[in-house]
Amino acid sequence: MTSVSTIQLQKSVIKELKQAKEYPRQSYNELLSRMCKIFARIKENNQYDEFLHKIQQPKMKELWDNKEDEAWEHV
């Protein structure tokens, strides 16, 4: 037997959920489950992007923080 819970949502959130449904008879449980999976994937990808950004920072600083580029800024 599955356990079920009741959650309280603002009317505006319910309205947004209705608009987000992929088809009219889609349950909120199904919709929220799908949203959670998508959010987890996005969050995982964002962590990867942040990792890449951090490891690229030293090289970008080396490339952009040099005297030749600074000379062009004042031309």
PDB file of N, CA and C in Angstrom:
ATOM      1  N   MET A   1       0.837  -1.182   0.000  1.00  0.00           N
ATOM      2  CA  MET A   1       0.000   0.000   0.000  1.00  0.00           C
ATOM      3  C   MET A   1       0.886   1.252   0.000  1.00  0.00           C
ATOM      4  N   THR A   2       0.580   2.203  -0.862  1.00  0.00           N
ATOM      5  CA  THR A   2       1.352   3.440  -0.928  1.00  0.00           C
ATOM      6  C   THR A   2       0.879   4.413   0.128  1.00  0.00           C
ATOM      7  N   SER A   3       1.857   5.102   0.678  1.00  0.00           N
ATOM      8  CA  SER A   3       1.488   6.133   1.645  1.00  0.00           C
ATOM      9  C   SER A   3       1.255   7.444   0.910  1.00  0.00           C
ATOM     10  N   VAL A   4       0.270   8.173   1.352  1.00  0.00           N
ATOM     11  CA  VAL A   4      -0.118   9.419   0.705  1.00  0.00           C
ATOM     12  C   VAL A   4      -0.062  10.523   1.747  1.00  0.00           C
ATOM     13  N   SER A   5       0.309  11.712   1.289  1.00  0.00           N
ATOM     14  CA  SER A   5       0.406  12.859   2.175  1.00  0.00           C
ATOM     15  C   SER A   5      -0.410  14.007   1.603  1.00  0.00           C
ATOM     16  N   THR A   6      -0.755  14.926   2.441  1.00  0.00           N
ATOM     17  CA  THR A   6      -1.471  16.119   2.018  1.00  0.00           C
ATOM     18  C   THR A   6      -0.544  17.311   2.219  1.00  0.00           C
ATOM     19  N   ILE A   7      -0.438  18.149   1.199  1.00  0.00           N
ATOM     20  CA  ILE A   7       0.377  19.360   1.318  1.00  0.00           C
ATOM     21  C   ILE A   7      -0.504  20.566   1.021  1.00  0.00           C
ATOM     22  N   GLN A   8      -0.175  21.686   1.619  1.00  0.00           N
ATOM     23  CA  GLN A   8      -0.920  22.913   1.375  1.00  0.00           C
ATOM     24  C   GLN A   8      -0.168  23.756   0.365  1.00  0.00           C
ATOM     25  N   LEU A   9      -0.885  24.215  -0.645  1.00  0.00           N
ATOM     26  CA  LEU A   9      -0.299  25.043  -1.689  1.00  0.00           C
ATOM     27  C   LEU A   9      -1.120  26.316  -1.838  1.00  0.00           C
ATOM     28  N   GLN A  10      -0.444  27.388  -2.185  1.00  0.00           N
ATOM     29  CA  GLN A  10      -1.150  28.628  -2.479  1.00  0.00           C
ATOM     30  C   GLN A  10      -1.919  28.448  -3.774  1.00  0.00           C
ATOM     31  N   LYS A  11      -3.033  29.167  -3.900  1.00  0.00           N
ATOM     32  CA  LYS A  11      -3.868  29.072  -5.108  1.00  0.00           C
ATOM     33  C   LYS A  11      -3.060  29.422  -6.360  1.00  0.00           C
ATOM     34  N   SER A  12      -2.123  30.370  -6.233  1.00  0.00           N
ATOM     35  CA  SER A  12      -1.310  30.764  -7.393  1.00  0.00           C
ATOM     36  C   SER A  12      -0.418  29.606  -7.856  1.00  0.00           C
ATOM     37  N   VAL A  13       0.072  28.810  -6.903  1.00  0.00           N
ATOM     38  CA  VAL A  13       0.913  27.658  -7.259  1.00  0.00           C
ATOM     39  C   VAL A  13       0.068  26.600  -7.951  1.00  0.00           C
ATOM     40  N   ILE A  14      -1.136  26.392  -7.469  1.00  0.00           N
ATOM     41  CA  ILE A  14      -2.036  25.423  -8.101  1.00  0.00           C
ATOM     42  C   ILE A  14      -2.345  25.849  -9.533  1.00  0.00           C
ATOM     43  N   LYS A  15      -2.537  27.149  -9.724  1.00  0.00           N
ATOM     44  CA  LYS A  15      -2.803  27.679 -11.070  1.00  0.00           C
ATOM     45  C   LYS A  15      -1.607  27.404 -11.990  1.00  0.00           C
ATOM     46  N   GLU A  16      -0.387  27.621 -11.468  1.00  0.00           N
ATOM     47  CA  GLU A  16       0.820  27.363 -12.263  1.00  0.00           C
ATOM     48  C   GLU A  16       0.957  25.877 -12.585  1.00  0.00           C
ATOM     49  N   LEU A  17       0.629  25.029 -11.629  1.00  0.00           N
ATOM     50  CA  LEU A  17       0.697  23.585 -11.869  1.00  0.00           C
ATOM     51  C   LEU A  17      -0.287  23.172 -12.960  1.00  0.00           C
ATOM     52  N   LYS A  18      -1.484  23.737 -12.925  1.00  0.00           N
ATOM     53  CA  LYS A  18      -2.477  23.425 -13.955  1.00  0.00           C
ATOM     54  C   LYS A  18      -1.955  23.805 -15.335  1.00  0.00           C
ATOM     55  N   GLN A  19      -1.292  24.964 -15.417  1.00  0.00           N
ATOM     56  CA  GLN A  19      -0.756  25.422 -16.702  1.00  0.00           C
ATOM     57  C   GLN A  19       0.436  24.572 -17.155  1.00  0.00           C
ATOM     58  N   ALA A  20       1.136  23.955 -16.215  1.00  0.00           N
ATOM     59  CA  ALA A  20       2.329  23.176 -16.544  1.00  0.00           C
ATOM     60  C   ALA A  20       2.010  21.748 -16.969  1.00  0.00           C
ATOM     61  N   LYS A  21       0.778  21.327 -16.779  1.00  0.00           N
ATOM     62  CA  LYS A  21       0.423  19.952 -17.138  1.00  0.00           C
ATOM     63  C   LYS A  21       0.702  19.699 -18.622  1.00  0.00           C
ATOM     64  N   GLU A  22       1.185  18.475 -18.896  1.00  0.00           N
ATOM     65  CA  GLU A  22       1.467  18.095 -20.283  1.00  0.00           C
ATOM     66  C   GLU A  22       0.206  17.638 -20.998  1.00  0.00           C
ATOM     67  N   TYR A  23      -0.744  17.138 -20.238  1.00  0.00           N
ATOM     68  CA  TYR A  23      -2.037  16.754 -20.778  1.00  0.00           C
ATOM     69  C   TYR A  23      -3.071  16.945 -19.667  1.00  0.00           C
ATOM     70  N   PRO A  24      -4.335  17.164 -20.025  1.00  0.00           N
ATOM     71  CA  PRO A  24      -5.352  17.560 -19.042  1.00  0.00           C
ATOM     72  C   PRO A  24      -5.533  16.605 -17.852  1.00  0.00           C
ATOM     73  N   ARG A  25      -5.432  15.318 -18.067  1.00  0.00           N
ATOM     74  CA  ARG A  25      -5.697  14.370 -16.987  1.00  0.00           C
ATOM     75  C   ARG A  25      -4.436  13.982 -16.199  1.00  0.00           C
ATOM     76  N   GLN A  26      -3.344  14.666 -16.447  1.00  0.00           N
ATOM     77  CA  GLN A  26      -2.105  14.376 -15.718  1.00  0.00           C
ATOM     78  C   GLN A  26      -2.297  14.749 -14.244  1.00  0.00           C
ATOM     79  N   SER A  27      -1.933  13.826 -13.364  1.00  0.00           N
ATOM     80  CA  SER A  27      -2.097  14.097 -11.928  1.00  0.00           C
ATOM     81  C   SER A  27      -0.992  15.036 -11.445  1.00  0.00           C
ATOM     82  N   TYR A  28      -1.288  15.740 -10.356  1.00  0.00           N
ATOM     83  CA  TYR A  28      -0.276  16.619  -9.770  1.00  0.00           C
ATOM     84  C   TYR A  28       0.908  15.795  -9.274  1.00  0.00           C
ATOM     85  N   ASN A  29       0.626  14.607  -8.772  1.00  0.00           N
ATOM     86  CA  ASN A  29       1.697  13.732  -8.299  1.00  0.00           C
ATOM     87  C   ASN A  29       2.662  13.401  -9.441  1.00  0.00           C
ATOM     88  N   GLU A  30       2.115  13.041 -10.586  1.00  0.00           N
ATOM     89  CA  GLU A  30       2.934  12.725 -11.761  1.00  0.00           C
ATOM     90  C   GLU A  30       3.701  13.954 -12.237  1.00  0.00           C
ATOM     91  N   LEU A  31       3.029  15.086 -12.268  1.00  0.00           N
ATOM     92  CA  LEU A  31       3.644  16.327 -12.722  1.00  0.00           C
ATOM     93  C   LEU A  31       4.790  16.743 -11.796  1.00  0.00           C
ATOM     94  N   LEU A  32       4.546  16.720 -10.493  1.00  0.00           N
ATOM     95  CA  LEU A  32       5.576  17.115  -9.539  1.00  0.00           C
ATOM     96  C   LEU A  32       6.753  16.154  -9.541  1.00  0.00           C
ATOM     97  N   SER A  33       6.480  14.872  -9.726  1.00  0.00           N
ATOM     98  CA  SER A  33       7.551  13.881  -9.802  1.00  0.00           C
ATOM     99  C   SER A  33       8.456  14.178 -11.001  1.00  0.00           C
ATOM    100  N   ARG A  34       7.827  14.468 -12.145  1.00  0.00           N
ATOM    101  CA  ARG A  34       8.597  14.809 -13.355  1.00  0.00           C
ATOM    102  C   ARG A  34       9.400  16.094 -13.152  1.00  0.00           C
ATOM    103  N   MET A  35       8.783  17.083 -12.518  1.00  0.00           N
ATOM    104  CA  MET A  35       9.483  18.349 -12.258  1.00  0.00           C
ATOM    105  C   MET A  35      10.695  18.133 -11.354  1.00  0.00           C
ATOM    106  N   CYS A  36      10.547  17.273 -10.354  1.00  0.00           N
ATOM    107  CA  CYS A  36      11.663  16.983  -9.447  1.00  0.00           C
ATOM    108  C   CYS A  36      12.827  16.347 -10.196  1.00  0.00           C
ATOM    109  N   LYS A  37      12.524  15.418 -11.097  1.00  0.00           N
ATOM    110  CA  LYS A  37      13.575  14.758 -11.875  1.00  0.00           C
ATOM    111  C   LYS A  37      14.296  15.764 -12.774  1.00  0.00           C
ATOM    112  N   ILE A  38      13.533  16.627 -13.415  1.00  0.00           N
ATOM    113  CA  ILE A  38      14.118  17.644 -14.293  1.00  0.00           C
ATOM    114  C   ILE A  38      14.974  18.609 -13.479  1.00  0.00           C
ATOM    115  N   PHE A  39      14.474  19.031 -12.336  1.00  0.00           N
ATOM    116  CA  PHE A  39      15.221  19.946 -11.469  1.00  0.00           C
ATOM    117  C   PHE A  39      16.540  19.317 -11.021  1.00  0.00           C
ATOM    118  N   ALA A  40      16.500  18.037 -10.657  1.00  0.00           N
ATOM    119  CA  ALA A  40      17.722  17.350 -10.208  1.00  0.00           C
ATOM    120  C   ALA A  40      18.754  17.306 -11.335  1.00  0.00           C
ATOM    121  N   ARG A  41      18.299  17.047 -12.568  1.00  0.00           N
ATOM    122  CA  ARG A  41      19.212  17.024 -13.720  1.00  0.00           C
ATOM    123  C   ARG A  41      19.813  18.396 -13.981  1.00  0.00           C
ATOM    124  N   ILE A  42      18.996  19.418 -13.902  1.00  0.00           N
ATOM    125  CA  ILE A  42      19.481  20.788 -14.125  1.00  0.00           C
ATOM    126  C   ILE A  42      20.497  21.153 -13.051  1.00  0.00           C
ATOM    127  N   LYS A  43      20.181  20.816 -11.821  1.00  0.00           N
ATOM    128  CA  LYS A  43      21.083  21.111 -10.711  1.00  0.00           C
ATOM    129  C   LYS A  43      22.421  20.403 -10.897  1.00  0.00           C
ATOM    130  N   GLU A  44      22.377  19.156 -11.343  1.00  0.00           N
ATOM    131  CA  GLU A  44      23.599  18.384 -11.591  1.00  0.00           C
ATOM    132  C   GLU A  44      24.422  19.025 -12.711  1.00  0.00           C
ATOM    133  N   ASN A  45      23.767  19.411 -13.785  1.00  0.00           N
ATOM    134  CA  ASN A  45      24.458  20.062 -14.900  1.00  0.00           C
ATOM    135  C   ASN A  45      25.051  21.390 -14.474  1.00  0.00           C
ATOM    136  N   ASN A  46      24.335  22.135 -13.642  1.00  0.00           N
ATOM    137  CA  ASN A  46      24.820  23.422 -13.169  1.00  0.00           C
ATOM    138  C   ASN A  46      26.081  23.239 -12.325  1.00  0.00           C
ATOM    139  N   GLN A  47      26.119  22.186 -11.510  1.00  0.00           N
ATOM    140  CA  GLN A  47      27.310  21.916 -10.714  1.00  0.00           C
ATOM    141  C   GLN A  47      28.499  21.627 -11.619  1.00  0.00           C
ATOM    142  N   TYR A  48      28.268  20.914 -12.711  1.00  0.00           N
ATOM    143  CA  TYR A  48      29.331  20.619 -13.665  1.00  0.00           C
ATOM    144  C   TYR A  48      29.818  21.911 -14.315  1.00  0.00           C
ATOM    145  N   ASP A  49      28.878  22.780 -14.695  1.00  0.00           N
ATOM    146  CA  ASP A  49      29.241  24.058 -15.304  1.00  0.00           C
ATOM    147  C   ASP A  49      30.048  24.915 -14.337  1.00  0.00           C
ATOM    148  N   GLU A  50      29.648  24.933 -13.071  1.00  0.00           N
ATOM    149  CA  GLU A  50      30.384  25.698 -12.068  1.00  0.00           C
ATOM    150  C   GLU A  50      31.794  25.142 -11.897  1.00  0.00           C
ATOM    151  N   PHE A  51      31.924  23.819 -11.920  1.00  0.00           N
ATOM    152  CA  PHE A  51      33.232  23.178 -11.819  1.00  0.00           C
ATOM    153  C   PHE A  51      34.128  23.608 -12.984  1.00  0.00           C
ATOM    154  N   LEU A  52      33.589  23.558 -14.203  1.00  0.00           N
ATOM    155  CA  LEU A  52      34.361  23.978 -15.373  1.00  0.00           C
ATOM    156  C   LEU A  52      34.769  25.442 -15.270  1.00  0.00           C
ATOM    157  N   HIS A  53      33.850  26.259 -14.822  1.00  0.00           N
ATOM    158  CA  HIS A  53      34.143  27.681 -14.682  1.00  0.00           C
ATOM    159  C   HIS A  53      35.297  27.906 -13.702  1.00  0.00           C
ATOM    160  N   LYS A  54      35.272  27.206 -12.581  1.00  0.00           N
ATOM    161  CA  LYS A  54      36.316  27.379 -11.570  1.00  0.00           C
ATOM    162  C   LYS A  54      37.683  26.936 -12.074  1.00  0.00           C
ATOM    163  N   ILE A  55      37.732  25.826 -12.817  1.00  0.00           N
ATOM    164  CA  ILE A  55      39.040  25.373 -13.280  1.00  0.00           C
ATOM    165  C   ILE A  55      39.553  26.223 -14.441  1.00  0.00           C
ATOM    166  N   GLN A  56      38.653  26.931 -15.130  1.00  0.00           N
ATOM    167  CA  GLN A  56      39.072  27.798 -16.230  1.00  0.00           C
ATOM    168  C   GLN A  56      39.516  29.182 -15.751  1.00  0.00           C
ATOM    169  N   GLN A  57      39.099  29.587 -14.573  1.00  0.00           N
ATOM    170  CA  GLN A  57      39.397  30.931 -14.088  1.00  0.00           C
ATOM    171  C   GLN A  57      40.884  31.285 -14.088  1.00  0.00           C
ATOM    172  N   PRO A  58      41.771  30.431 -13.572  1.00  0.00           N
ATOM    173  CA  PRO A  58      43.194  30.814 -13.567  1.00  0.00           C
ATOM    174  C   PRO A  58      43.750  31.069 -14.975  1.00  0.00           C
ATOM    175  N   LYS A  59      43.374  30.225 -15.936  1.00  0.00           N
ATOM    176  CA  LYS A  59      43.859  30.398 -17.300  1.00  0.00           C
ATOM    177  C   LYS A  59      43.293  31.675 -17.922  1.00  0.00           C
ATOM    178  N   MET A  60      42.014  31.941 -17.676  1.00  0.00           N
ATOM    179  CA  MET A  60      41.410  33.155 -18.218  1.00  0.00           C
ATOM    180  C   MET A  60      42.065  34.393 -17.610  1.00  0.00           C
ATOM    181  N   LYS A  61      42.369  34.341 -16.334  1.00  0.00           N
ATOM    182  CA  LYS A  61      43.047  35.469 -15.687  1.00  0.00           C
ATOM    183  C   LYS A  61      44.417  35.679 -16.327  1.00  0.00           C
ATOM    184  N   GLU A  62      45.112  34.574 -16.591  1.00  0.00           N
ATOM    185  CA  GLU A  62      46.434  34.656 -17.233  1.00  0.00           C
ATOM    186  C   GLU A  62      46.317  35.270 -18.626  1.00  0.00           C
ATOM    187  N   LEU A  63      45.298  34.890 -19.379  1.00  0.00           N
ATOM    188  CA  LEU A  63      45.131  35.379 -20.744  1.00  0.00           C
ATOM    189  C   LEU A  63      44.685  36.839 -20.796  1.00  0.00           C
ATOM    190  N   TRP A  64      43.829  37.250 -19.902  1.00  0.00           N
ATOM    191  CA  TRP A  64      43.238  38.574 -19.985  1.00  0.00           C
ATOM    192  C   TRP A  64      43.942  39.619 -19.144  1.00  0.00           C
ATOM    193  N   ASP A  65      44.586  39.224 -18.084  1.00  0.00           N
ATOM    194  CA  ASP A  65      45.278  40.197 -17.234  1.00  0.00           C
ATOM    195  C   ASP A  65      46.736  40.327 -17.662  1.00  0.00           C
ATOM    196  N   ASN A  66      46.958  41.037 -18.752  1.00  0.00           N
ATOM    197  CA  ASN A  66      48.334  41.252 -19.202  1.00  0.00           C
ATOM    198  C   ASN A  66      48.488  42.682 -19.698  1.00  0.00           C
ATOM    199  N   LYS A  67      49.711  43.118 -19.799  1.00  0.00           N
ATOM    200  CA  LYS A  67      50.011  44.512 -20.145  1.00  0.00           C
ATOM    201  C   LYS A  67      49.559  44.876 -21.556  1.00  0.00           C
ATOM    202  N   GLU A  68      49.655  43.922 -22.487  1.00  0.00           N
ATOM    203  CA  GLU A  68      49.280  44.221 -23.875  1.00  0.00           C
ATOM    204  C   GLU A  68      47.801  44.587 -23.974  1.00  0.00           C
ATOM    205  N   ASP A  69      46.956  43.836 -23.281  1.00  0.00           N
ATOM    206  CA  ASP A  69      45.521  44.136 -23.319  1.00  0.00           C
ATOM    207  C   ASP A  69      45.208  45.452 -22.621  1.00  0.00           C
ATOM    208  N   GLU A  70      45.889  45.731 -21.546  1.00  0.00           N
ATOM    209  CA  GLU A  70      45.661  46.976 -20.818  1.00  0.00           C
ATOM    210  C   GLU A  70      46.043  48.171 -21.675  1.00  0.00           C
ATOM    211  N   ALA A  71      47.053  48.060 -22.505  1.00  0.00           N
ATOM    212  CA  ALA A  71      47.467  49.151 -23.381  1.00  0.00           C
ATOM    213  C   ALA A  71      46.359  49.483 -24.378  1.00  0.00           C
ATOM    214  N   TRP A  72      45.640  48.481 -24.869  1.00  0.00           N
ATOM    215  CA  TRP A  72      44.582  48.697 -25.847  1.00  0.00           C
ATOM    216  C   TRP A  72      43.364  49.399 -25.221  1.00  0.00           C
ATOM    217  N   GLU A  73      43.179  49.253 -23.920  1.00  0.00           N
ATOM    218  CA  GLU A  73      42.038  49.877 -23.273  1.00  0.00           C
ATOM    219  C   GLU A  73      42.146  51.401 -23.284  1.00  0.00           C
ATOM    220  N   HIS A  74      43.340  51.918 -23.358  1.00  0.00           N
ATOM    221  CA  HIS A  74      43.538  53.369 -23.283  1.00  0.00           C
ATOM    222  C   HIS A  74      43.842  54.000 -24.639  1.00  0.00           C
ATOM    223  N   VAL A  75      43.586  53.313 -25.719  1.00  0.00           N
ATOM    224  CA  VAL A  75      43.861  53.837 -27.057  1.00  0.00           C
ATOM    225  C   VAL A  75      42.714  54.693 -27.515  1.00  0.00           C
TER     226      VAL A  75
END
